[in-house]
Protein backbone atom coordinates (compact mmCIF):
# COMPACT_ATOMS: atom_id res chain seq x y z
CA UNK A 1 16.25 3.65 20.71
CA UNK A 2 14.56 6.97 21.44
CA UNK A 3 14.46 10.35 19.74
CA UNK A 4 17.19 11.47 22.17
CA UNK A 5 19.59 9.16 20.40
CA UNK A 6 19.30 11.21 17.20
CA UNK A 7 22.58 12.62 15.99
CA UNK A 8 24.63 13.30 12.87
CA UNK A 9 27.68 11.44 11.55
CA UNK A 10 29.79 12.84 8.70
CA UNK A 11 32.10 11.11 6.27
CA UNK A 12 34.35 12.45 3.53
CA UNK A 13 33.78 10.78 0.15
CA UNK A 14 35.46 11.26 -3.20
CA UNK A 15 33.61 12.60 -6.20
CA UNK A 16 33.35 9.08 -7.71
CA UNK A 17 32.18 7.58 -4.42
CA UNK A 18 29.55 10.30 -4.06
CA UNK A 19 28.19 9.56 -7.53
CA UNK A 20 28.09 5.83 -6.74
CA UNK A 21 26.33 6.38 -3.40
CA UNK A 22 23.81 8.70 -5.03
CA UNK A 23 23.06 6.32 -7.92
CA UNK A 24 20.90 6.97 -10.97
CA UNK A 25 18.20 9.46 -10.04
CA UNK A 26 19.21 9.19 -6.38
CA UNK A 27 17.93 5.60 -6.19
CA UNK A 28 20.92 4.13 -4.38
CA UNK A 29 20.82 6.81 -1.68
CA UNK A 30 17.07 6.34 -1.30
CA UNK A 31 17.62 2.59 -0.94
CA UNK A 32 20.26 3.09 1.77
CA UNK A 33 17.89 5.40 3.65
CA UNK A 34 15.03 2.90 3.42
CA UNK A 35 17.10 -0.08 4.61
CA UNK A 36 18.90 1.68 7.44
CA UNK A 37 16.14 4.04 8.55
CA UNK A 38 18.64 6.92 8.64
CA UNK A 39 18.52 10.14 6.64
CA UNK A 40 21.48 10.45 4.27
CA UNK A 41 22.47 13.71 2.56
CA UNK A 42 25.39 14.70 0.34
CA UNK A 43 26.90 18.19 0.27
CA UNK A 44 29.90 19.67 -1.48
CA UNK A 45 33.10 20.08 0.49
CA UNK A 46 33.24 23.82 -0.23
CA UNK A 47 36.46 24.62 1.54
CA UNK A 48 38.78 22.28 -0.35
CA UNK A 49 38.22 22.87 -4.06
CA UNK A 50 36.19 21.10 -6.69
CA UNK A 51 38.27 17.92 -6.66
CA UNK A 52 37.95 17.40 -2.91
CA UNK A 53 34.69 15.46 -3.20
CA UNK A 54 31.70 15.68 -0.91
CA UNK A 55 30.63 15.31 2.69
CA UNK A 56 28.15 12.60 3.64
CA UNK A 57 25.75 13.50 6.47
CA UNK A 58 24.04 10.60 8.23
CA UNK A 59 21.19 11.49 10.61
CA UNK A 60 19.26 9.13 12.86
CA UNK A 61 19.48 7.05 16.01
CA UNK A 62 22.74 5.38 17.00
CA UNK A 63 21.52 2.08 15.57
CA UNK A 64 20.34 3.66 12.31
CA UNK A 65 23.57 5.58 11.78
CA UNK A 66 25.66 2.46 12.46
CA UNK A 67 23.63 0.46 9.94
CA UNK A 68 23.83 3.25 7.35
CA UNK A 69 27.62 3.52 7.68
CA UNK A 70 27.98 -0.23 7.22
CA UNK A 71 25.73 -0.36 4.15
CA UNK A 72 27.54 2.60 2.60
CA UNK A 73 30.86 0.78 3.00
CA UNK A 74 29.42 -2.27 1.23
CA UNK A 75 28.03 -0.15 -1.63
CA UNK A 76 31.33 1.67 -2.10
CA UNK A 77 33.19 -1.68 -2.03
CA UNK A 78 31.09 -2.92 -4.98
CA UNK A 79 32.54 -0.11 -7.09
CA UNK A 80 36.02 -1.58 -6.85
CA UNK A 81 35.32 -5.31 -7.01
CA UNK A 82 33.89 -8.29 -5.11
CA UNK A 83 32.57 -7.69 -1.58
CA UNK A 84 33.87 -9.81 1.30
CA UNK A 85 32.31 -10.43 4.71
CA UNK A 86 34.74 -12.26 6.98
CA UNK A 87 32.30 -13.17 9.77
CA UNK A 88 28.63 -13.25 8.65
CA UNK A 89 27.50 -14.37 12.13
CA UNK A 90 28.59 -10.98 13.51
CA UNK A 91 25.82 -9.24 11.52
CA UNK A 92 22.38 -9.65 13.09
CA UNK A 93 20.77 -7.91 10.11
CA UNK A 94 22.17 -10.35 7.53
CA UNK A 95 20.72 -13.40 5.78
CA UNK A 96 22.92 -15.43 3.43
CA UNK A 97 21.18 -17.40 0.68
CA UNK A 98 23.25 -20.07 -1.08
CA UNK A 99 22.33 -20.26 -4.77
CA UNK A 100 23.57 -22.35 -7.73
CA UNK A 101 26.43 -20.58 -9.49
CA UNK A 102 24.83 -21.04 -12.91
CA UNK A 103 21.77 -19.02 -11.82
CA UNK A 104 23.70 -15.93 -10.71
CA UNK A 105 23.31 -14.11 -14.04
CA UNK A 106 19.63 -15.09 -14.21
CA UNK A 107 18.68 -13.76 -10.78
CA UNK A 108 20.92 -10.70 -11.08
CA UNK A 109 19.20 -9.62 -14.28
CA UNK A 110 20.48 -7.23 -16.92
CA UNK A 111 22.69 -4.68 -15.14
CA UNK A 112 21.38 -5.95 -11.81
CA UNK A 113 17.75 -5.16 -12.69
CA UNK A 114 16.13 -8.10 -10.87
CA UNK A 115 18.06 -7.60 -7.64
CA UNK A 116 17.22 -3.89 -7.76
CA UNK A 117 13.51 -4.75 -8.11
CA UNK A 118 13.70 -7.05 -5.09
CA UNK A 119 15.52 -4.33 -3.12
CA UNK A 120 12.87 -1.77 -4.03
CA UNK A 121 9.95 -4.08 -3.18
CA UNK A 122 11.31 -5.17 0.20
CA UNK A 123 13.53 -2.19 1.18
CA UNK A 124 16.50 -4.52 1.57
CA UNK A 125 20.10 -4.47 0.35
CA UNK A 126 21.24 -7.40 -1.84
CA UNK A 127 24.59 -8.27 -3.37
CA UNK A 128 26.72 -11.33 -4.06
CA UNK A 129 29.77 -12.02 -1.92
CA UNK A 130 33.10 -12.52 -3.70
CA UNK A 131 31.44 -12.33 -7.13
CA UNK A 132 32.45 -9.47 -9.39
CA UNK A 133 29.33 -8.39 -11.32
CA UNK A 134 31.52 -6.53 -13.83
CA UNK A 135 33.48 -9.69 -14.69
CA UNK A 136 31.09 -12.69 -14.68
CA UNK A 137 32.61 -16.12 -15.16
CA UNK A 138 32.47 -17.47 -18.68
CA UNK A 139 32.43 -21.09 -17.59
CA UNK A 140 30.51 -22.08 -14.47
CA UNK A 141 30.71 -25.36 -12.60
CA UNK A 142 27.09 -26.65 -12.51
CA UNK A 143 27.68 -27.95 -8.97
CA UNK A 144 29.26 -24.74 -7.65
CA UNK A 145 27.33 -22.31 -5.45
CA UNK A 146 27.53 -18.62 -4.65
CA UNK A 147 26.39 -16.63 -1.61
CA UNK A 148 23.83 -13.85 -1.83
CA UNK A 149 23.89 -11.39 1.08
CA UNK A 150 20.57 -9.82 2.11
CA UNK A 151 20.66 -6.96 4.63
CA UNK A 152 17.72 -5.36 6.43
CA UNK A 153 15.14 -6.06 9.16
CA UNK A 154 14.19 -9.75 9.53
CA UNK A 155 10.76 -9.55 7.89
CA UNK A 156 12.06 -7.68 4.86
CA UNK A 157 15.01 -10.04 4.54
CA UNK A 158 12.68 -13.03 4.54
CA UNK A 159 10.47 -11.48 1.86
CA UNK A 160 13.48 -10.74 -0.36
CA UNK A 161 14.91 -14.20 0.26
CA UNK A 162 11.67 -15.92 -0.83
CA UNK A 163 11.45 -13.70 -3.90
CA UNK A 164 14.91 -14.83 -5.01
CA UNK A 165 14.12 -18.46 -4.15
CA UNK A 166 10.99 -18.29 -6.34
CA UNK A 167 13.06 -17.00 -9.28
CA UNK A 168 15.65 -19.78 -8.88
CA UNK A 169 12.91 -22.40 -8.56
CA UNK A 170 11.54 -21.30 -11.94
CA UNK A 171 14.91 -21.99 -13.56
CA UNK A 172 15.73 -25.13 -11.54
CA UNK A 173 12.44 -26.77 -10.46
CA UNK A 174 12.78 -28.61 -7.17
CA UNK A 175 16.02 -26.95 -6.05
CA UNK A 176 14.45 -25.54 -2.88
CA UNK A 177 11.18 -27.49 -2.68
CA UNK A 178 12.20 -31.08 -3.43
CA UNK A 179 11.67 -32.19 0.17
CA UNK A 180 9.22 -29.49 1.29
CA UNK A 181 5.64 -30.41 2.19
CA UNK A 182 2.81 -29.03 4.28
CA UNK A 183 4.21 -27.63 7.53
CA UNK A 184 2.69 -25.53 10.31
CA UNK A 185 4.97 -23.80 12.81
CA UNK A 186 3.96 -23.74 16.48
CA UNK A 187 5.66 -20.35 16.96
CA UNK A 188 3.39 -17.49 17.99
CA UNK A 189 5.82 -14.90 16.63
CA UNK A 190 7.43 -14.53 13.22
CA UNK A 191 7.82 -17.92 11.52
CA UNK A 192 7.15 -19.75 8.25
CA UNK A 193 4.39 -22.19 7.24
CA UNK A 194 4.27 -24.04 3.92
CA UNK A 195 1.42 -25.51 1.88
CA UNK A 196 1.73 -27.49 -1.34
CA UNK A 197 -0.48 -26.66 -4.31
CA UNK A 198 -1.68 -28.74 -7.22
CA UNK A 199 -0.47 -27.80 -10.66
CA UNK A 200 -3.98 -26.83 -11.78
CA UNK A 201 -4.38 -24.49 -8.78
CA UNK A 202 -1.10 -22.62 -9.22
CA UNK A 203 -2.04 -20.22 -12.02
CA UNK A 204 -5.35 -19.32 -10.36
CA UNK A 205 -3.67 -18.71 -7.00
CA UNK A 206 -0.99 -16.58 -8.65
CA UNK A 207 -3.21 -14.37 -10.82
CA UNK A 208 -2.16 -12.08 -13.63
CA UNK A 209 1.32 -10.71 -12.84
CA UNK A 210 0.98 -12.15 -9.34
CA UNK A 211 -2.04 -9.95 -8.53
CA UNK A 212 -3.98 -12.65 -6.65
CA UNK A 213 -0.99 -13.66 -4.52
CA UNK A 214 -0.31 -10.02 -3.67
CA UNK A 215 -3.97 -9.52 -2.76
CA UNK A 216 -3.86 -12.38 -0.25
CA UNK A 217 -0.61 -11.03 1.21
CA UNK A 218 -2.00 -7.51 1.65
CA UNK A 219 -5.28 -8.62 3.20
CA UNK A 220 -3.61 -10.97 5.71
CA UNK A 221 -0.56 -8.72 6.43
CA UNK A 222 1.46 -11.90 5.84
CA UNK A 223 4.33 -12.54 3.44
CA UNK A 224 2.92 -14.87 0.78
CA UNK A 225 5.29 -16.21 -1.87
CA UNK A 226 5.05 -19.20 -4.20
CA UNK A 227 8.33 -21.08 -4.56
CA UNK A 228 7.51 -23.52 -7.32
CA UNK A 229 4.26 -25.22 -6.31
CA UNK A 230 4.76 -24.57 -2.59
CA UNK A 231 3.15 -21.56 -0.91
CA UNK A 232 5.27 -19.99 1.84
CA UNK A 233 3.53 -17.95 4.55
CA UNK A 234 5.70 -15.78 6.83
CA UNK A 235 4.42 -13.70 9.72
CA UNK A 236 3.05 -14.15 13.21
CA UNK A 237 0.71 -17.05 13.89
CA UNK A 238 -2.50 -15.09 13.28
CA UNK A 239 -1.23 -13.66 9.99
CA UNK A 240 -0.14 -17.10 8.75
CA UNK A 241 -3.50 -18.63 9.65
CA UNK A 242 -5.44 -15.91 7.84
CA UNK A 243 -3.32 -16.16 4.69
CA UNK A 244 -3.76 -19.93 4.52
CA UNK A 245 -7.52 -19.67 5.03
CA UNK A 246 -7.81 -17.04 2.31
CA UNK A 247 -5.88 -19.23 -0.13
CA UNK A 248 -8.03 -22.29 0.65
CA UNK A 249 -11.24 -20.29 0.12
CA UNK A 250 -9.85 -18.92 -3.12
CA UNK A 251 -9.06 -22.41 -4.45
CA UNK A 252 -12.53 -23.66 -3.48
CA UNK A 253 -14.02 -20.89 -5.63
CA UNK A 254 -11.94 -22.06 -8.58
CA UNK A 255 -13.74 -25.41 -8.73
CA UNK A 256 -17.16 -23.86 -8.08
CA UNK A 257 -17.55 -25.00 -4.48
CA UNK A 258 -19.57 -22.75 -2.20
CA UNK A 259 -17.56 -21.08 0.53
CA UNK A 260 -19.20 -20.63 3.94
CA UNK A 261 -17.28 -18.78 6.64
CA UNK A 262 -17.80 -19.12 10.37
CA UNK A 263 -17.78 -15.45 11.35
CA UNK A 264 -17.99 -15.99 15.11
CA UNK A 265 -14.96 -14.59 16.89
CA UNK A 266 -13.30 -13.26 13.72
CA UNK A 267 -11.95 -9.69 13.80
CA UNK A 268 -10.74 -9.60 10.18
CA UNK A 269 -14.09 -9.58 8.34
CA UNK A 270 -16.84 -7.12 7.47
CA UNK A 271 -20.12 -8.42 6.05
CA UNK A 272 -22.38 -6.44 3.73
CA UNK A 273 -25.77 -7.78 2.60
CA UNK A 274 -26.00 -6.76 -1.06
CA UNK A 275 -29.42 -6.66 -2.76
CA UNK A 276 -29.57 -9.24 -5.55
CA UNK A 277 -30.46 -6.64 -8.18
CA UNK A 278 -27.26 -4.73 -7.28
CA UNK A 279 -24.94 -7.74 -7.27
CA UNK A 280 -23.84 -7.57 -10.90
CA UNK A 281 -23.16 -3.83 -10.66
CA UNK A 282 -21.10 -4.30 -7.46
CA UNK A 283 -19.01 -7.17 -8.80
CA UNK A 284 -18.70 -5.91 -12.40
CA UNK A 285 -18.01 -7.91 -15.56
CA UNK A 286 -16.22 -11.10 -14.52
CA UNK A 287 -15.65 -9.58 -11.09
CA UNK A 288 -13.64 -6.63 -12.44
CA UNK A 289 -15.19 -3.98 -10.14
CA UNK A 290 -14.74 -6.11 -7.03
CA UNK A 291 -11.13 -6.83 -8.03
CA UNK A 292 -10.59 -3.09 -8.45
CA UNK A 293 -11.91 -2.46 -4.92
CA UNK A 294 -9.62 -5.18 -3.58
CA UNK A 295 -6.58 -3.65 -5.27
CA UNK A 296 -7.38 -0.12 -4.12
CA UNK A 297 -8.10 -1.09 -0.50
CA UNK A 298 -5.69 -4.03 0.04
CA UNK A 299 -8.56 -6.37 0.94
CA UNK A 300 -9.83 -9.82 -0.08
CA UNK A 301 -13.54 -9.90 -1.04
CA UNK A 302 -15.94 -12.58 -2.24
CA UNK A 303 -19.64 -13.49 -2.26
CA UNK A 304 -20.46 -16.16 0.30
CA UNK A 305 -22.56 -19.12 -0.80
CA UNK A 306 -24.05 -19.84 -4.21
CA UNK A 307 -24.43 -17.05 -6.73
CA UNK A 308 -27.82 -18.35 -7.94
CA UNK A 309 -29.52 -19.34 -4.67
CA UNK A 310 -32.56 -17.12 -5.35
CA UNK A 311 -32.06 -14.97 -2.26
CA UNK A 312 -33.04 -11.28 -2.04
CA UNK A 313 -29.70 -10.39 -0.49
CA UNK A 314 -26.30 -11.99 -0.74
CA UNK A 315 -23.52 -11.67 1.83
CA UNK A 316 -20.37 -9.96 0.56
CA UNK A 317 -17.39 -10.69 2.82
CA UNK A 318 -14.49 -8.22 3.06
CA UNK A 319 -11.28 -9.43 4.72
CA UNK A 320 -8.34 -7.30 5.81
CA UNK A 321 -7.34 -4.85 8.54
CA UNK A 322 -10.01 -2.55 10.03
CA UNK A 323 -9.03 0.62 8.13
CA UNK A 324 -8.82 -1.16 4.76
CA UNK A 325 -12.17 -2.89 5.31
CA UNK A 326 -13.83 0.43 6.15
CA UNK A 327 -12.56 1.92 2.90
CA UNK A 328 -13.71 -1.11 0.89
CA UNK A 329 -17.08 -0.99 2.62
CA UNK A 330 -17.49 2.67 1.61
CA UNK A 331 -16.70 1.86 -2.04
CA UNK A 332 -19.17 -1.04 -2.07
CA UNK A 333 -21.93 1.12 -0.60
CA UNK A 334 -21.22 3.83 -3.15
CA UNK A 335 -21.85 1.32 -5.95
CA UNK A 336 -24.99 -0.01 -4.24
CA UNK A 337 -26.41 3.50 -3.79
CA UNK A 338 -25.45 4.45 -7.34
CA UNK A 339 -27.32 1.43 -8.68
CA UNK A 340 -30.36 2.18 -6.51
CA UNK A 341 -30.38 5.86 -7.53
CA UNK A 342 -30.07 4.95 -11.21
CA UNK A 343 -33.17 2.76 -10.99
CA UNK A 344 -35.18 5.03 -8.71
CA UNK A 345 -35.51 2.27 -6.12
CA UNK A 346 -34.96 2.24 -2.40
CA UNK A 347 -33.07 -0.38 -0.45
CA UNK A 348 -35.59 -1.66 2.08
CA UNK A 349 -33.19 -3.83 4.06
CA UNK A 350 -33.65 -7.45 5.18
CA UNK A 351 -37.48 -7.32 5.15
CA UNK A 352 -37.76 -6.18 1.51
CA UNK A 353 -40.50 -8.12 -0.35
CA UNK A 354 -39.18 -10.71 -2.76
CA UNK A 355 -40.00 -11.06 -6.42
CA UNK A 356 -41.22 -14.26 -8.00
CA UNK A 357 -43.13 -17.18 -6.46
CA UNK A 358 -41.31 -17.24 -3.15
CA UNK A 359 -39.55 -20.53 -3.75
CA UNK A 360 -37.36 -21.58 -0.88
CA UNK A 361 -38.35 -18.70 1.42
CA UNK A 362 -38.00 -20.56 4.68
CA UNK A 363 -34.66 -22.23 4.18
CA UNK A 364 -32.92 -19.28 2.52
CA UNK A 365 -34.10 -16.69 4.99
CA UNK A 366 -33.12 -18.78 7.99
CA UNK A 367 -29.60 -19.45 6.70
CA UNK A 368 -28.81 -15.81 6.10
CA UNK A 369 -30.31 -14.76 9.44
CA UNK A 370 -27.88 -17.09 11.22
CA UNK A 371 -24.97 -15.58 9.29
CA UNK A 372 -25.99 -12.10 10.42
CA UNK A 373 -26.25 -13.16 14.06
CA UNK A 374 -22.74 -14.57 14.03
CA UNK A 375 -21.10 -11.66 12.21
CA UNK A 376 -18.78 -9.62 14.48
CA UNK A 377 -19.49 -6.45 12.49
CA UNK A 378 -23.05 -5.91 11.32
CA UNK A 379 -22.94 -3.75 8.24
CA UNK A 380 -26.42 -3.36 6.79
CA UNK A 381 -26.22 0.32 5.77
CA UNK A 382 -23.79 3.23 5.74
CA UNK A 383 -22.47 3.62 9.25
CA UNK A 384 -24.42 5.38 11.98
CA UNK A 385 -22.82 8.11 14.16
CA UNK A 386 -20.96 6.87 17.22
CA UNK A 387 -21.19 8.41 20.69
CA UNK A 388 -20.12 12.05 20.55
CA UNK A 389 -20.73 12.22 16.78
CA UNK A 390 -23.65 13.50 14.72
CA UNK A 391 -24.65 13.98 11.10
CA UNK A 392 -24.65 17.28 9.22
CA UNK A 393 -26.14 17.44 5.72
CA UNK A 394 -25.10 19.79 2.93
CA UNK A 395 -27.11 20.38 -0.24
CA UNK A 396 -24.98 19.99 -3.36
CA UNK A 397 -25.54 19.93 -7.12
CA UNK A 398 -24.76 16.99 -9.38
CA UNK A 399 -21.74 18.87 -10.76
CA UNK A 400 -20.37 19.50 -7.27
CA UNK A 401 -21.01 15.87 -6.31
CA UNK A 402 -18.99 14.61 -9.27
CA UNK A 403 -16.16 17.03 -8.46
CA UNK A 404 -16.17 16.05 -4.77
CA UNK A 405 -16.13 12.36 -5.62
CA UNK A 406 -13.14 12.66 -7.96
CA UNK A 407 -11.66 9.75 -9.96
CA UNK A 408 -12.60 6.49 -8.20
CA UNK A 409 -13.75 8.50 -5.14
CA UNK A 410 -10.23 9.78 -4.35
CA UNK A 411 -11.19 13.41 -3.63
CA UNK A 412 -13.92 12.42 -1.17
CA UNK A 413 -11.60 10.02 0.64
CA UNK A 414 -8.89 12.69 0.76
CA UNK A 415 -11.22 15.17 2.47
CA UNK A 416 -12.33 12.47 4.92
CA UNK A 417 -8.75 11.55 5.75
CA UNK A 418 -7.64 15.16 6.36
CA UNK A 419 -10.73 16.22 8.34
CA UNK A 420 -11.31 13.00 10.32
CA UNK A 421 -15.02 12.98 9.40
CA UNK A 422 -16.82 10.45 7.22
CA UNK A 423 -18.44 11.73 4.02
CA UNK A 424 -21.39 9.98 2.40
CA UNK A 425 -22.84 11.17 -0.89
CA UNK A 426 -26.59 10.84 -1.43
CA UNK A 427 -28.82 12.27 -4.14
CA UNK A 428 -28.30 16.08 -4.02
CA UNK A 429 -26.97 15.72 -0.46
CA UNK A 430 -23.64 15.24 1.30
CA UNK A 431 -23.68 13.84 4.85
CA UNK A 432 -20.80 14.71 7.18
CA UNK A 433 -20.46 12.27 10.10
CA UNK A 434 -18.17 13.04 13.02
CA UNK A 435 -17.54 15.25 16.01
CA UNK A 436 -18.20 18.99 15.95
CA UNK A 437 -14.55 19.74 15.13
CA UNK A 438 -14.32 17.03 12.44
CA UNK A 439 -17.52 18.20 10.74
CA UNK A 440 -16.35 21.84 10.81
CA UNK A 441 -13.07 20.89 9.13
CA UNK A 442 -14.84 18.69 6.58
CA UNK A 443 -17.34 21.45 5.76
CA UNK A 444 -14.52 23.94 5.26
CA UNK A 445 -12.51 21.57 3.04
CA UNK A 446 -15.60 20.71 0.97
CA UNK A 447 -16.25 24.41 0.34
CA UNK A 448 -12.62 25.00 -0.63
CA UNK A 449 -12.57 22.03 -3.01
CA UNK A 450 -15.85 23.10 -4.66
CA UNK A 451 -14.45 26.62 -5.04
CA UNK A 452 -11.60 25.22 -7.17
CA UNK A 453 -14.16 24.11 -9.76
CA UNK A 454 -15.23 27.66 -10.64
CA UNK A 455 -12.04 29.70 -10.21
CA UNK A 456 -9.23 30.87 -7.92
CA UNK A 457 -9.69 29.95 -4.25
CA UNK A 458 -9.60 32.67 -1.62
CA UNK A 459 -8.91 32.10 2.08
CA UNK A 460 -10.03 34.96 4.28
CA UNK A 461 -7.84 35.69 7.33
CA UNK A 462 -5.35 32.80 7.00
CA UNK A 463 -4.05 33.45 10.54
CA UNK A 464 -7.40 32.31 11.95
CA UNK A 465 -6.97 28.79 10.53
CA UNK A 466 -4.95 26.66 12.96
CA UNK A 467 -4.81 23.82 10.40
CA UNK A 468 -3.22 25.91 7.64
CA UNK A 469 0.34 26.50 6.45
CA UNK A 470 1.18 28.76 3.50
CA UNK A 471 4.28 28.50 1.28
CA UNK A 472 5.32 31.26 -1.10
CA UNK A 473 6.24 29.74 -4.46
CA UNK A 474 8.00 31.60 -7.30
CA UNK A 475 5.56 32.06 -10.16
CA UNK A 476 7.86 30.34 -12.66
CA UNK A 477 7.96 27.24 -10.41
CA UNK A 478 4.19 26.82 -10.09
CA UNK A 479 3.79 24.55 -13.12
CA UNK A 480 6.70 22.39 -11.95
CA UNK A 481 5.35 22.12 -8.41
CA UNK A 482 1.83 21.41 -9.61
CA UNK A 483 2.86 18.72 -12.09
CA UNK A 484 0.90 17.46 -15.08
CA UNK A 485 -2.81 17.82 -14.24
CA UNK A 486 -1.84 18.43 -10.60
CA UNK A 487 -0.04 15.08 -10.32
CA UNK A 488 2.75 16.26 -7.99
CA UNK A 489 0.42 18.00 -5.55
CA UNK A 490 -1.84 14.93 -5.49
CA UNK A 491 1.18 12.72 -4.69
CA UNK A 492 2.15 15.01 -1.79
CA UNK A 493 -1.45 14.99 -0.53
CA UNK A 494 -1.55 11.22 -0.64
CA UNK A 495 1.84 10.78 1.04
CA UNK A 496 1.15 13.11 3.98
CA UNK A 497 -2.65 13.06 4.29
CA UNK A 498 -3.02 16.77 3.54
CA UNK A 499 -4.98 19.10 1.26
CA UNK A 500 -2.97 21.38 -1.08
CA UNK A 501 -3.98 24.10 -3.54
CA UNK A 502 -2.92 27.57 -4.67
CA UNK A 503 -4.91 30.51 -3.31
CA UNK A 504 -5.55 33.87 -5.00
CA UNK A 505 -3.69 32.49 -8.00
CA UNK A 506 -2.50 35.12 -10.50
CA UNK A 507 -2.69 33.72 -14.02
CA UNK A 508 -0.46 36.41 -15.52
CA UNK A 509 2.53 34.20 -14.65
CA UNK A 510 5.01 37.06 -14.14
CA UNK A 511 8.39 35.59 -13.24
CA UNK A 512 9.09 38.11 -10.47
CA UNK A 513 5.88 37.40 -8.54
CA UNK A 514 5.19 34.90 -5.76
CA UNK A 515 2.19 32.61 -5.51
CA UNK A 516 0.80 31.18 -2.26
CA UNK A 517 0.32 27.45 -1.77
CA UNK A 518 -2.11 26.51 1.02
CA UNK A 519 -1.55 23.28 2.96
CA UNK A 520 -4.35 22.08 5.24
CA UNK A 521 -4.04 19.25 7.77
CA UNK A 522 -2.48 18.34 11.12
CA UNK A 523 0.73 20.17 12.07
CA UNK A 524 3.11 17.24 11.56
CA UNK A 525 1.60 16.26 8.21
CA UNK A 526 1.57 19.89 7.03
CA UNK A 527 5.26 20.21 7.84
CA UNK A 528 6.09 17.04 5.92
CA UNK A 529 4.17 18.25 2.87
CA UNK A 530 5.76 21.69 3.15
CA UNK A 531 9.28 20.23 3.14
CA UNK A 532 8.41 17.98 0.18
CA UNK A 533 7.31 21.00 -1.86
CA UNK A 534 10.33 23.04 -0.74
CA UNK A 535 12.62 20.22 -1.89
CA UNK A 536 10.96 20.24 -5.32
CA UNK A 537 11.32 24.02 -5.64
């Protein structure tokens, strides 16, 4: 499908149907949009009286509109009773999962809460066929089964299917995994591999609230789900291989075995040599800081080799996609530099003199040198400018540095994302790395952000800024648009990769005045942010 296929379909719906399609807080409509890919809007049928209902507008490609219409019919059918699908094979976007009848209430959850969670996580549409959720059976045949329909793209359907299977397996151990063992698919494209786990490994591989499993899934871009004591890996061949390797390395760490990775030929790893005296500060108490970096950047990180091998530097491995690894690398270097600055020391690199009696110099140094030679990405210091780039340094105060960094470095990363330049904070100095245009944008955004710290921001000659859009906001809507402590504006910035703030703000708050909201960024992203704010107003 191409953009030329975009069009609009309309459908008359009753007042009750409109309320059902909209759902609580608009959640059902949002779900239908996410699953189908179409844009769905409801408007009143103005020409036929209040009881005439509403008009449903469906925008998108031919395929998206067709899917949206079908899903809407299924949702509306649930309002009246059980849903029937006469020929499941006719739906290429459908997976049917057969489940024990006595687990239907369990996996549905109170008022459908569990199925709604699965739908939200995987952007899929789930409902039981020929089962009336409003009138559950009082007596259930333990050998009877029911059919759960899962609609959506194949990858999302598989993720939702495994999530439901894992829930059923908890209630009925062995139902899905009784005859499942280790299996590797030969398919290069989307397929499923399985790997059995020992009972003592399961809790460690799962993590608190599934955090460890989710970390492995994010870093490998693979669907990772534990159905009982069997790990399912779904994705293309490379994704499945990475996820399985990450899990094996993780389980080796559990029993204290040293993990050594052959870096040669790998494109999913970044290596940072961390000075020994910075290691505890980088990892945090019981690894809490490193886990925080993993969660924020969707990466998988660990220290290679033994923790007490008396080496000056220890290799920290970061696994994930290139963009996520770069972000994690920046956060790690920020902690290293912070530790060095706090102690007044300088990081002298691989040749830094060692403390102590020099025990094991030859063997240790040689091993780590070979690791560096094999690493596909050599990351010994904050990155150097590439061809066509250069470094520009700005002098800043400690107060400005703290303001630019923001909570967990979010403000600095936001400026970098909008400008395209890299920002590196040093003692009383901010380095801007990028092309001439990227550095100019970054410098401008840094000045605007620092201006917010001392008072209203002013933008001289807005027409001269080709990266600026301005929205006029009613004064009595400013607090609503801003949100608590700027929360709504920060959400819009994060969603669209833009920079938003009010300029020449008048604190009198007169209801009949207008305030100006500045939006900086690329044209497409600015327009998205602008529409988001307009919708809120």
